[in-house]
Amino acid sequence: MNDATTAEPAAAAADEGVMKSVADAMRDAASTATEHAAKVRAKVEEAGPKTLRAVSRATYTTAYTVSYGLVYASVFVARSLPQDNAFMHGLHDGGVAARDTLKGE
């Protein structure tokens, strides 16, 4: 036999080995990509509710701080003013009228 006929089966076997290696690598890459995609999807699904809770908590804290500051400052100023005068009687009567209007009376 000559070298050409002996080289052909060896080359075919080498080509088959290379193709098998490429196929195995592609299978492993696809498997890894699928696993990674599943992990990313799970993280995104988990992050949604956490983000919503964080935004909700920040909104609540901001509203609480603003309302507390306004009410505290108003009450502090109202309590520090003399109580028996026309201005304070007007504030009181206006507050009562506003409350009655809200109640529908």
PDB file of N, CA and C in Angstrom:
ATOM      1  N   MET A   1       0.822  -1.166   0.000  1.00  0.00           N
ATOM      2  CA  MET A   1       0.000   0.000   0.000  1.00  0.00           C
ATOM      3  C   MET A   1       0.871   1.234   0.000  1.00  0.00           C
ATOM      4  N   ASN A   2       0.268   2.239  -0.591  1.00  0.00           N
ATOM      5  CA  ASN A   2       1.045   3.467  -0.602  1.00  0.00           C
ATOM      6  C   ASN A   2       0.587   4.368   0.536  1.00  0.00           C
ATOM      7  N   ASP A   3       1.279   5.462   0.702  1.00  0.00           N
ATOM      8  CA  ASP A   3       0.992   6.367   1.814  1.00  0.00           C
ATOM      9  C   ASP A   3      -0.345   7.074   1.653  1.00  0.00           C
ATOM     10  N   ALA A   4      -0.828   7.286   0.421  1.00  0.00           N
ATOM     11  CA  ALA A   4      -2.078   7.988   0.174  1.00  0.00           C
ATOM     12  C   ALA A   4      -3.264   7.180   0.662  1.00  0.00           C
ATOM     13  N   THR A   5      -3.262   5.878   0.435  1.00  0.00           N
ATOM     14  CA  THR A   5      -4.379   5.055   0.880  1.00  0.00           C
ATOM     15  C   THR A   5      -4.381   4.872   2.385  1.00  0.00           C
ATOM     16  N   THR A   6      -3.259   4.874   3.014  1.00  0.00           N
ATOM     17  CA  THR A   6      -3.191   4.755   4.458  1.00  0.00           C
ATOM     18  C   THR A   6      -3.563   6.085   5.122  1.00  0.00           C
ATOM     19  N   ALA A   7      -3.268   7.177   4.490  1.00  0.00           N
ATOM     20  CA  ALA A   7      -3.536   8.498   5.071  1.00  0.00           C
ATOM     21  C   ALA A   7      -5.011   8.840   5.031  1.00  0.00           C
ATOM     22  N   GLU A   8      -5.734   8.318   4.026  1.00  0.00           N
ATOM     23  CA  GLU A   8      -7.157   8.651   3.914  1.00  0.00           C
ATOM     24  C   GLU A   8      -7.964   8.163   5.108  1.00  0.00           C
ATOM     25  N   PRO A   9      -7.880   6.916   5.549  1.00  0.00           N
ATOM     26  CA  PRO A   9      -8.638   6.505   6.731  1.00  0.00           C
ATOM     27  C   PRO A   9      -8.191   7.245   7.983  1.00  0.00           C
ATOM     28  N   ALA A  10      -6.931   7.550   8.105  1.00  0.00           N
ATOM     29  CA  ALA A  10      -6.442   8.280   9.279  1.00  0.00           C
ATOM     30  C   ALA A  10      -6.985   9.702   9.275  1.00  0.00           C
ATOM     31  N   ALA A  11      -7.026  10.341   8.101  1.00  0.00           N
ATOM     32  CA  ALA A  11      -7.558  11.702   7.987  1.00  0.00           C
ATOM     33  C   ALA A  11      -9.051  11.701   8.272  1.00  0.00           C
ATOM     34  N   ALA A  12      -9.752  10.696   7.764  1.00  0.00           N
ATOM     35  CA  ALA A  12     -11.194  10.602   8.000  1.00  0.00           C
ATOM     36  C   ALA A  12     -11.466  10.411   9.489  1.00  0.00           C
ATOM     37  N   ALA A  13     -10.660   9.595  10.146  1.00  0.00           N
ATOM     38  CA  ALA A  13     -10.828   9.371  11.586  1.00  0.00           C
ATOM     39  C   ALA A  13     -10.527  10.656  12.360  1.00  0.00           C
ATOM     40  N   ALA A  14      -9.509  11.397  11.927  1.00  0.00           N
ATOM     41  CA  ALA A  14      -9.162  12.657  12.587  1.00  0.00           C
ATOM     42  C   ALA A  14     -10.271  13.672  12.388  1.00  0.00           C
ATOM     43  N   ASP A  15     -10.816  13.741  11.144  1.00  0.00           N
ATOM     44  CA  ASP A  15     -11.930  14.660  10.867  1.00  0.00           C
ATOM     45  C   ASP A  15     -13.145  14.308  11.723  1.00  0.00           C
ATOM     46  N   GLU A  16     -13.414  13.006  11.841  1.00  0.00           N
ATOM     47  CA  GLU A  16     -14.551  12.564  12.645  1.00  0.00           C
ATOM     48  C   GLU A  16     -14.348  12.936  14.114  1.00  0.00           C
ATOM     49  N   GLY A  17     -13.125  12.802  14.587  1.00  0.00           N
ATOM     50  CA  GLY A  17     -12.814  13.174  15.967  1.00  0.00           C
ATOM     51  C   GLY A  17     -12.981  14.672  16.201  1.00  0.00           C
ATOM     52  N   VAL A  18     -12.543  15.462  15.221  1.00  0.00           N
ATOM     53  CA  VAL A  18     -12.693  16.921  15.340  1.00  0.00           C
ATOM     54  C   VAL A  18     -14.170  17.287  15.333  1.00  0.00           C
ATOM     55  N   MET A  19     -14.945  16.693  14.429  1.00  0.00           N
ATOM     56  CA  MET A  19     -16.379  16.990  14.344  1.00  0.00           C
ATOM     57  C   MET A  19     -17.093  16.587  15.640  1.00  0.00           C
ATOM     58  N   LYS A  20     -16.681  15.442  16.204  1.00  0.00           N
ATOM     59  CA  LYS A  20     -17.292  15.015  17.466  1.00  0.00           C
ATOM     60  C   LYS A  20     -16.952  15.998  18.577  1.00  0.00           C
ATOM     61  N   SER A  21     -15.717  16.488  18.601  1.00  0.00           N
ATOM     62  CA  SER A  21     -15.316  17.466  19.615  1.00  0.00           C
ATOM     63  C   SER A  21     -16.105  18.761  19.462  1.00  0.00           C
ATOM     64  N   VAL A  22     -16.275  19.218  18.217  1.00  0.00           N
ATOM     65  CA  VAL A  22     -17.048  20.450  17.961  1.00  0.00           C
ATOM     66  C   VAL A  22     -18.499  20.237  18.390  1.00  0.00           C
ATOM     67  N   ALA A  23     -19.070  19.104  18.051  1.00  0.00           N
ATOM     68  CA  ALA A  23     -20.455  18.814  18.429  1.00  0.00           C
ATOM     69  C   ALA A  23     -20.607  18.782  19.951  1.00  0.00           C
ATOM     70  N   ASP A  24     -19.663  18.151  20.635  1.00  0.00           N
ATOM     71  CA  ASP A  24     -19.706  18.109  22.104  1.00  0.00           C
ATOM     72  C   ASP A  24     -19.601  19.514  22.696  1.00  0.00           C
ATOM     73  N   ALA A  25     -18.718  20.320  22.126  1.00  0.00           N
ATOM     74  CA  ALA A  25     -18.548  21.692  22.627  1.00  0.00           C
ATOM     75  C   ALA A  25     -19.819  22.503  22.413  1.00  0.00           C
ATOM     76  N   MET A  26     -20.448  22.354  21.263  1.00  0.00           N
ATOM     77  CA  MET A  26     -21.690  23.077  20.982  1.00  0.00           C
ATOM     78  C   MET A  26     -22.807  22.619  21.911  1.00  0.00           C
ATOM     79  N   ARG A  27     -22.898  21.321  22.174  1.00  0.00           N
ATOM     80  CA  ARG A  27     -23.906  20.802  23.097  1.00  0.00           C
ATOM     81  C   ARG A  27     -23.695  21.368  24.508  1.00  0.00           C
ATOM     82  N   ASP A  28     -22.431  21.369  24.949  1.00  0.00           N
ATOM     83  CA  ASP A  28     -22.120  21.912  26.278  1.00  0.00           C
ATOM     84  C   ASP A  28     -22.421  23.405  26.354  1.00  0.00           C
ATOM     85  N   ALA A  29     -22.106  24.146  25.292  1.00  0.00           N
ATOM     86  CA  ALA A  29     -22.373  25.588  25.263  1.00  0.00           C
ATOM     87  C   ALA A  29     -23.869  25.858  25.313  1.00  0.00           C
ATOM     88  N   ALA A  30     -24.649  25.093  24.557  1.00  0.00           N
ATOM     89  CA  ALA A  30     -26.103  25.270  24.563  1.00  0.00           C
ATOM     90  C   ALA A  30     -26.676  24.957  25.938  1.00  0.00           C
ATOM     91  N   SER A  31     -26.168  23.902  26.555  1.00  0.00           N
ATOM     92  CA  SER A  31     -26.634  23.525  27.889  1.00  0.00           C
ATOM     93  C   SER A  31     -26.297  24.611  28.908  1.00  0.00           C
ATOM     94  N   THR A  32     -25.083  25.115  28.832  1.00  0.00           N
ATOM     95  CA  THR A  32     -24.656  26.174  29.750  1.00  0.00           C
ATOM     96  C   THR A  32     -25.468  27.444  29.530  1.00  0.00           C
ATOM     97  N   ALA A  33     -25.718  27.806  28.277  1.00  0.00           N
ATOM     98  CA  ALA A  33     -26.502  29.009  27.973  1.00  0.00           C
ATOM     99  C   ALA A  33     -27.922  28.870  28.502  1.00  0.00           C
ATOM    100  N   THR A  34     -28.513  27.686  28.364  1.00  0.00           N
ATOM    101  CA  THR A  34     -29.866  27.455  28.868  1.00  0.00           C
ATOM    102  C   THR A  34     -29.901  27.576  30.387  1.00  0.00           C
ATOM    103  N   GLU A  35     -28.921  26.998  31.054  1.00  0.00           N
ATOM    104  CA  GLU A  35     -28.857  27.101  32.515  1.00  0.00           C
ATOM    105  C   GLU A  35     -28.670  28.544  32.953  1.00  0.00           C
ATOM    106  N   HIS A  36     -27.799  29.276  32.258  1.00  0.00           N
ATOM    107  CA  HIS A  36     -27.557  30.676  32.603  1.00  0.00           C
ATOM    108  C   HIS A  36     -28.813  31.512  32.380  1.00  0.00           C
ATOM    109  N   ALA A  37     -29.513  31.272  31.281  1.00  0.00           N
ATOM    110  CA  ALA A  37     -30.750  32.007  31.001  1.00  0.00           C
ATOM    111  C   ALA A  37     -31.796  31.747  32.079  1.00  0.00           C
ATOM    112  N   ALA A  38     -31.886  30.517  32.550  1.00  0.00           N
ATOM    113  CA  ALA A  38     -32.836  30.188  33.615  1.00  0.00           C
ATOM    114  C   ALA A  38     -32.474  30.913  34.914  1.00  0.00           C
ATOM    115  N   LYS A  39     -31.186  30.977  35.212  1.00  0.00           N
ATOM    116  CA  LYS A  39     -30.748  31.688  36.424  1.00  0.00           C
ATOM    117  C   LYS A  39     -31.039  33.179  36.312  1.00  0.00           C
ATOM    118  N   VAL A  40     -30.776  33.770  35.143  1.00  0.00           N
ATOM    119  CA  VAL A  40     -31.043  35.198  34.936  1.00  0.00           C
ATOM    120  C   VAL A  40     -32.537  35.471  35.058  1.00  0.00           C
ATOM    121  N   ARG A  41     -33.367  34.633  34.452  1.00  0.00           N
ATOM    122  CA  ARG A  41     -34.817  34.801  34.518  1.00  0.00           C
ATOM    123  C   ARG A  41     -35.284  34.749  35.974  1.00  0.00           C
ATOM    124  N   ALA A  42     -34.755  33.828  36.747  1.00  0.00           N
ATOM    125  CA  ALA A  42     -35.143  33.716  38.154  1.00  0.00           C
ATOM    126  C   ALA A  42     -34.742  34.964  38.938  1.00  0.00           C
ATOM    127  N   LYS A  43     -33.551  35.487  38.660  1.00  0.00           N
ATOM    128  CA  LYS A  43     -33.096  36.698  39.350  1.00  0.00           C
ATOM    129  C   LYS A  43     -33.974  37.892  39.004  1.00  0.00           C
ATOM    130  N   VAL A  44     -34.358  38.022  37.736  1.00  0.00           N
ATOM    131  CA  VAL A  44     -35.208  39.133  37.307  1.00  0.00           C
ATOM    132  C   VAL A  44     -36.580  39.022  37.958  1.00  0.00           C
ATOM    133  N   GLU A  45     -37.137  37.804  37.979  1.00  0.00           N
ATOM    134  CA  GLU A  45     -38.439  37.611  38.617  1.00  0.00           C
ATOM    135  C   GLU A  45     -38.374  37.912  40.107  1.00  0.00           C
ATOM    136  N   GLU A  46     -37.253  37.638  40.724  1.00  0.00           N
ATOM    137  CA  GLU A  46     -37.065  37.905  42.154  1.00  0.00           C
ATOM    138  C   GLU A  46     -36.861  39.393  42.415  1.00  0.00           C
ATOM    139  N   ALA A  47     -36.200  40.083  41.495  1.00  0.00           N
ATOM    140  CA  ALA A  47     -35.883  41.497  41.678  1.00  0.00           C
ATOM    141  C   ALA A  47     -37.106  42.384  41.522  1.00  0.00           C
ATOM    142  N   GLY A  48     -38.081  41.986  40.724  1.00  0.00           N
ATOM    143  CA  GLY A  48     -39.279  42.799  40.498  1.00  0.00           C
ATOM    144  C   GLY A  48     -39.993  43.171  41.789  1.00  0.00           C
ATOM    145  N   PRO A  49     -40.417  42.186  42.590  1.00  0.00           N
ATOM    146  CA  PRO A  49     -41.101  42.510  43.841  1.00  0.00           C
ATOM    147  C   PRO A  49     -40.213  43.286  44.832  1.00  0.00           C
ATOM    148  N   LYS A  50     -38.920  42.988  44.843  1.00  0.00           N
ATOM    149  CA  LYS A  50     -38.019  43.714  45.745  1.00  0.00           C
ATOM    150  C   LYS A  50     -37.938  45.185  45.352  1.00  0.00           C
ATOM    151  N   THR A  51     -37.862  45.447  44.068  1.00  0.00           N
ATOM    152  CA  THR A  51     -37.808  46.833  43.595  1.00  0.00           C
ATOM    153  C   THR A  51     -39.096  47.553  43.920  1.00  0.00           C
ATOM    154  N   LEU A  52     -40.229  46.895  43.700  1.00  0.00           N
ATOM    155  CA  LEU A  52     -41.522  47.498  44.003  1.00  0.00           C
ATOM    156  C   LEU A  52     -41.640  47.817  45.485  1.00  0.00           C
ATOM    157  N   ARG A  53     -41.189  46.898  46.340  1.00  0.00           N
ATOM    158  CA  ARG A  53     -41.223  47.158  47.786  1.00  0.00           C
ATOM    159  C   ARG A  53     -40.324  48.330  48.158  1.00  0.00           C
ATOM    160  N   ALA A  54     -39.153  48.425  47.539  1.00  0.00           N
ATOM    161  CA  ALA A  54     -38.227  49.520  47.852  1.00  0.00           C
ATOM    162  C   ALA A  54     -38.817  50.863  47.434  1.00  0.00           C
ATOM    163  N   VAL A  55     -39.410  50.913  46.253  1.00  0.00           N
ATOM    164  CA  VAL A  55     -40.037  52.161  45.787  1.00  0.00           C
ATOM    165  C   VAL A  55     -41.220  52.518  46.672  1.00  0.00           C
ATOM    166  N   SER A  56     -42.024  51.531  47.026  1.00  0.00           N
ATOM    167  CA  SER A  56     -43.174  51.764  47.897  1.00  0.00           C
ATOM    168  C   SER A  56     -42.728  52.288  49.258  1.00  0.00           C
ATOM    169  N   ARG A  57     -41.699  51.680  49.799  1.00  0.00           N
ATOM    170  CA  ARG A  57     -41.189  52.113  51.114  1.00  0.00           C
ATOM    171  C   ARG A  57     -40.627  53.534  51.052  1.00  0.00           C
ATOM    172  N   ALA A  58     -39.909  53.850  49.981  1.00  0.00           N
ATOM    173  CA  ALA A  58     -39.355  55.202  49.828  1.00  0.00           C
ATOM    174  C   ALA A  58     -40.472  56.230  49.687  1.00  0.00           C
ATOM    175  N   THR A  59     -41.522  55.887  48.952  1.00  0.00           N
ATOM    176  CA  THR A  59     -42.663  56.791  48.788  1.00  0.00           C
ATOM    177  C   THR A  59     -43.355  57.016  50.126  1.00  0.00           C
ATOM    178  N   TYR A  60     -43.582  55.941  50.864  1.00  0.00           N
ATOM    179  CA  TYR A  60     -44.224  56.052  52.171  1.00  0.00           C
ATOM    180  C   TYR A  60     -43.394  56.921  53.115  1.00  0.00           C
ATOM    181  N   THR A  61     -42.091  56.660  53.169  1.00  0.00           N
ATOM    182  CA  THR A  61     -41.219  57.410  54.068  1.00  0.00           C
ATOM    183  C   THR A  61     -41.197  58.888  53.711  1.00  0.00           C
ATOM    184  N   THR A  62     -41.162  59.202  52.433  1.00  0.00           N
ATOM    185  CA  THR A  62     -41.174  60.602  51.990  1.00  0.00           C
ATOM    186  C   THR A  62     -42.477  61.270  52.397  1.00  0.00           C
ATOM    187  N   ALA A  63     -43.618  60.627  52.123  1.00  0.00           N
ATOM    188  CA  ALA A  63     -44.914  61.206  52.470  1.00  0.00           C
ATOM    189  C   ALA A  63     -45.041  61.384  53.985  1.00  0.00           C
ATOM    190  N   TYR A  64     -44.594  60.398  54.749  1.00  0.00           N
ATOM    191  CA  TYR A  64     -44.659  60.482  56.205  1.00  0.00           C
ATOM    192  C   TYR A  64     -43.830  61.655  56.720  1.00  0.00           C
ATOM    193  N   THR A  65     -42.620  61.797  56.203  1.00  0.00           N
ATOM    194  CA  THR A  65     -41.723  62.867  56.654  1.00  0.00           C
ATOM    195  C   THR A  65     -42.298  64.238  56.327  1.00  0.00           C
ATOM    196  N   VAL A  66     -42.813  64.396  55.116  1.00  0.00           N
ATOM    197  CA  VAL A  66     -43.381  65.686  54.715  1.00  0.00           C
ATOM    198  C   VAL A  66     -44.603  66.020  55.569  1.00  0.00           C
ATOM    199  N   SER A  67     -45.510  65.058  55.727  1.00  0.00           N
ATOM    200  CA  SER A  67     -46.723  65.344  56.499  1.00  0.00           C
ATOM    201  C   SER A  67     -46.393  65.600  57.970  1.00  0.00           C
ATOM    202  N   TYR A  68     -45.473  64.829  58.531  1.00  0.00           N
ATOM    203  CA  TYR A  68     -45.095  65.046  59.922  1.00  0.00           C
ATOM    204  C   TYR A  68     -44.496  66.436  60.098  1.00  0.00           C
ATOM    205  N   GLY A  69     -43.616  66.802  59.195  1.00  0.00           N
ATOM    206  CA  GLY A  69     -42.989  68.130  59.280  1.00  0.00           C
ATOM    207  C   GLY A  69     -43.995  69.253  59.177  1.00  0.00           C
ATOM    208  N   LEU A  70     -44.947  69.134  58.250  1.00  0.00           N
ATOM    209  CA  LEU A  70     -45.958  70.190  58.092  1.00  0.00           C
ATOM    210  C   LEU A  70     -46.877  70.272  59.305  1.00  0.00           C
ATOM    211  N   VAL A  71     -47.375  69.131  59.738  1.00  0.00           N
ATOM    212  CA  VAL A  71     -48.303  69.137  60.877  1.00  0.00           C
ATOM    213  C   VAL A  71     -47.593  69.569  62.151  1.00  0.00           C
ATOM    214  N   TYR A  72     -46.397  69.054  62.392  1.00  0.00           N
ATOM    215  CA  TYR A  72     -45.664  69.422  63.606  1.00  0.00           C
ATOM    216  C   TYR A  72     -45.379  70.919  63.625  1.00  0.00           C
ATOM    217  N   ALA A  73     -44.917  71.440  62.497  1.00  0.00           N
ATOM    218  CA  ALA A  73     -44.617  72.878  62.432  1.00  0.00           C
ATOM    219  C   ALA A  73     -45.880  73.703  62.649  1.00  0.00           C
ATOM    220  N   SER A  74     -46.987  73.291  62.042  1.00  0.00           N
ATOM    221  CA  SER A  74     -48.249  74.034  62.201  1.00  0.00           C
ATOM    222  C   SER A  74     -48.723  74.015  63.653  1.00  0.00           C
ATOM    223  N   VAL A  75     -48.697  72.854  64.266  1.00  0.00           N
ATOM    224  CA  VAL A  75     -49.142  72.735  65.661  1.00  0.00           C
ATOM    225  C   VAL A  75     -48.201  73.502  66.573  1.00  0.00           C
ATOM    226  N   PHE A  76     -46.902  73.430  66.319  1.00  0.00           N
ATOM    227  CA  PHE A  76     -45.938  74.163  67.137  1.00  0.00           C
ATOM    228  C   PHE A  76     -46.201  75.662  67.072  1.00  0.00           C
ATOM    229  N   VAL A  77     -46.404  76.171  65.863  1.00  0.00           N
ATOM    230  CA  VAL A  77     -46.675  77.615  65.707  1.00  0.00           C
ATOM    231  C   VAL A  77     -48.003  77.959  66.371  1.00  0.00           C
ATOM    232  N   ALA A  78     -49.030  77.143  66.157  1.00  0.00           N
ATOM    233  CA  ALA A  78     -50.344  77.429  66.743  1.00  0.00           C
ATOM    234  C   ALA A  78     -50.287  77.404  68.269  1.00  0.00           C
ATOM    235  N   ARG A  79     -49.544  76.479  68.829  1.00  0.00           N
ATOM    236  CA  ARG A  79     -49.444  76.393  70.298  1.00  0.00           C
ATOM    237  C   ARG A  79     -48.578  77.507  70.885  1.00  0.00           C
ATOM    238  N   SER A  80     -47.664  78.029  70.100  1.00  0.00           N
ATOM    239  CA  SER A  80     -46.791  79.067  70.640  1.00  0.00           C
ATOM    240  C   SER A  80     -47.435  80.464  70.598  1.00  0.00           C
ATOM    241  N   LEU A  81     -48.493  80.621  69.835  1.00  0.00           N
ATOM    242  CA  LEU A  81     -49.182  81.912  69.758  1.00  0.00           C
ATOM    243  C   LEU A  81     -50.147  82.046  70.934  1.00  0.00           C
ATOM    244  N   PRO A  82     -50.429  83.265  71.357  1.00  0.00           N
ATOM    245  CA  PRO A  82     -51.441  83.458  72.399  1.00  0.00           C
ATOM    246  C   PRO A  82     -52.791  82.906  71.925  1.00  0.00           C
ATOM    247  N   GLN A  83     -53.512  82.246  72.805  1.00  0.00           N
ATOM    248  CA  GLN A  83     -54.714  81.523  72.399  1.00  0.00           C
ATOM    249  C   GLN A  83     -55.976  82.379  72.381  1.00  0.00           C
ATOM    250  N   ASP A  84     -56.049  83.372  73.202  1.00  0.00           N
ATOM    251  CA  ASP A  84     -57.291  84.138  73.322  1.00  0.00           C
ATOM    252  C   ASP A  84     -57.200  85.434  72.528  1.00  0.00           C
ATOM    253  N   ASN A  85     -57.313  85.316  71.207  1.00  0.00           N
ATOM    254  CA  ASN A  85     -57.335  86.507  70.350  1.00  0.00           C
ATOM    255  C   ASN A  85     -58.122  86.176  69.081  1.00  0.00           C
ATOM    256  N   ALA A  86     -58.403  87.198  68.279  1.00  0.00           N
ATOM    257  CA  ALA A  86     -59.245  87.039  67.092  1.00  0.00           C
ATOM    258  C   ALA A  86     -58.602  86.087  66.071  1.00  0.00           C
ATOM    259  N   PHE A  87     -57.282  86.134  65.911  1.00  0.00           N
ATOM    260  CA  PHE A  87     -56.602  85.285  64.939  1.00  0.00           C
ATOM    261  C   PHE A  87     -56.790  83.812  65.279  1.00  0.00           C
ATOM    262  N   MET A  88     -56.563  83.450  66.527  1.00  0.00           N
ATOM    263  CA  MET A  88     -56.688  82.052  66.940  1.00  0.00           C
ATOM    264  C   MET A  88     -58.143  81.587  66.872  1.00  0.00           C
ATOM    265  N   HIS A  89     -59.089  82.468  67.235  1.00  0.00           N
ATOM    266  CA  HIS A  89     -60.502  82.094  67.118  1.00  0.00           C
ATOM    267  C   HIS A  89     -60.861  81.855  65.642  1.00  0.00           C
ATOM    268  N   GLY A  90     -60.298  82.682  64.741  1.00  0.00           N
ATOM    269  CA  GLY A  90     -60.541  82.501  63.304  1.00  0.00           C
ATOM    270  C   GLY A  90     -59.956  81.193  62.795  1.00  0.00           C
ATOM    271  N   LEU A  91     -58.749  80.841  63.229  1.00  0.00           N
ATOM    272  CA  LEU A  91     -58.151  79.560  62.842  1.00  0.00           C
ATOM    273  C   LEU A  91     -59.008  78.396  63.324  1.00  0.00           C
ATOM    274  N   HIS A  92     -59.459  78.478  64.559  1.00  0.00           N
ATOM    275  CA  HIS A  92     -60.282  77.407  65.114  1.00  0.00           C
ATOM    276  C   HIS A  92     -61.586  77.274  64.349  1.00  0.00           C
ATOM    277  N   ASP A  93     -62.279  78.386  64.152  1.00  0.00           N
ATOM    278  CA  ASP A  93     -63.564  78.339  63.456  1.00  0.00           C
ATOM    279  C   ASP A  93     -63.398  77.873  62.002  1.00  0.00           C
ATOM    280  N   GLY A  94     -62.328  78.307  61.347  1.00  0.00           N
ATOM    281  CA  GLY A  94     -62.071  77.855  59.978  1.00  0.00           C
ATOM    282  C   GLY A  94     -61.801  76.358  59.922  1.00  0.00           C
ATOM    283  N   GLY A  95     -61.057  75.847  60.884  1.00  0.00           N
ATOM    284  CA  GLY A  95     -60.785  74.409  60.944  1.00  0.00           C
ATOM    285  C   GLY A  95     -62.048  73.608  61.178  1.00  0.00           C
ATOM    286  N   VAL A  96     -62.897  74.085  62.072  1.00  0.00           N
ATOM    287  CA  VAL A  96     -64.162  73.389  62.340  1.00  0.00           C
ATOM    288  C   VAL A  96     -65.041  73.407  61.090  1.00  0.00           C
ATOM    289  N   ALA A  97     -65.101  74.554  60.398  1.00  0.00           N
ATOM    290  CA  ALA A  97     -65.914  74.648  59.178  1.00  0.00           C
ATOM    291  C   ALA A  97     -65.383  73.711  58.092  1.00  0.00           C
ATOM    292  N   ALA A  98     -64.076  73.629  57.942  1.00  0.00           N
ATOM    293  CA  ALA A  98     -63.488  72.727  56.943  1.00  0.00           C
ATOM    294  C   ALA A  98     -63.800  71.272  57.272  1.00  0.00           C
ATOM    295  N   ARG A  99     -63.706  70.897  58.535  1.00  0.00           N
ATOM    296  CA  ARG A  99     -63.998  69.536  58.954  1.00  0.00           C
ATOM    297  C   ARG A  99     -65.472  69.205  58.728  1.00  0.00           C
ATOM    298  N   ASP A 100     -66.372  70.161  59.039  1.00  0.00           N
ATOM    299  CA  ASP A 100     -67.802  69.943  58.822  1.00  0.00           C
ATOM    300  C   ASP A 100     -68.104  69.794  57.337  1.00  0.00           C
ATOM    301  N   THR A 101     -67.423  70.568  56.494  1.00  0.00           N
ATOM    302  CA  THR A 101     -67.636  70.474  55.052  1.00  0.00           C
ATOM    303  C   THR A 101     -67.188  69.094  54.533  1.00  0.00           C
ATOM    304  N   LEU A 102     -66.088  68.595  55.020  1.00  0.00           N
ATOM    305  CA  LEU A 102     -65.627  67.288  54.613  1.00  0.00           C
ATOM    306  C   LEU A 102     -66.570  66.176  55.055  1.00  0.00           C
ATOM    307  N   LYS A 103     -67.162  66.346  56.217  1.00  0.00           N
ATOM    308  CA  LYS A 103     -68.102  65.345  56.737  1.00  0.00           C
ATOM    309  C   LYS A 103     -69.468  65.457  56.061  1.00  0.00           C
ATOM    310  N   GLY A 104     -69.731  66.582  55.385  1.00  0.00           N
ATOM    311  CA  GLY A 104     -70.998  66.771  54.712  1.00  0.00           C
ATOM    312  C   GLY A 104     -72.076  67.346  55.613  1.00  0.00           C
ATOM    313  N   GLU A 105     -71.687  67.974  56.668  1.00  0.00           N
ATOM    314  CA  GLU A 105     -72.673  68.533  57.623  1.00  0.00           C
ATOM    315  C   GLU A 105     -73.024  69.957  57.261  1.00  0.00           C
TER     316      GLU A 105
END
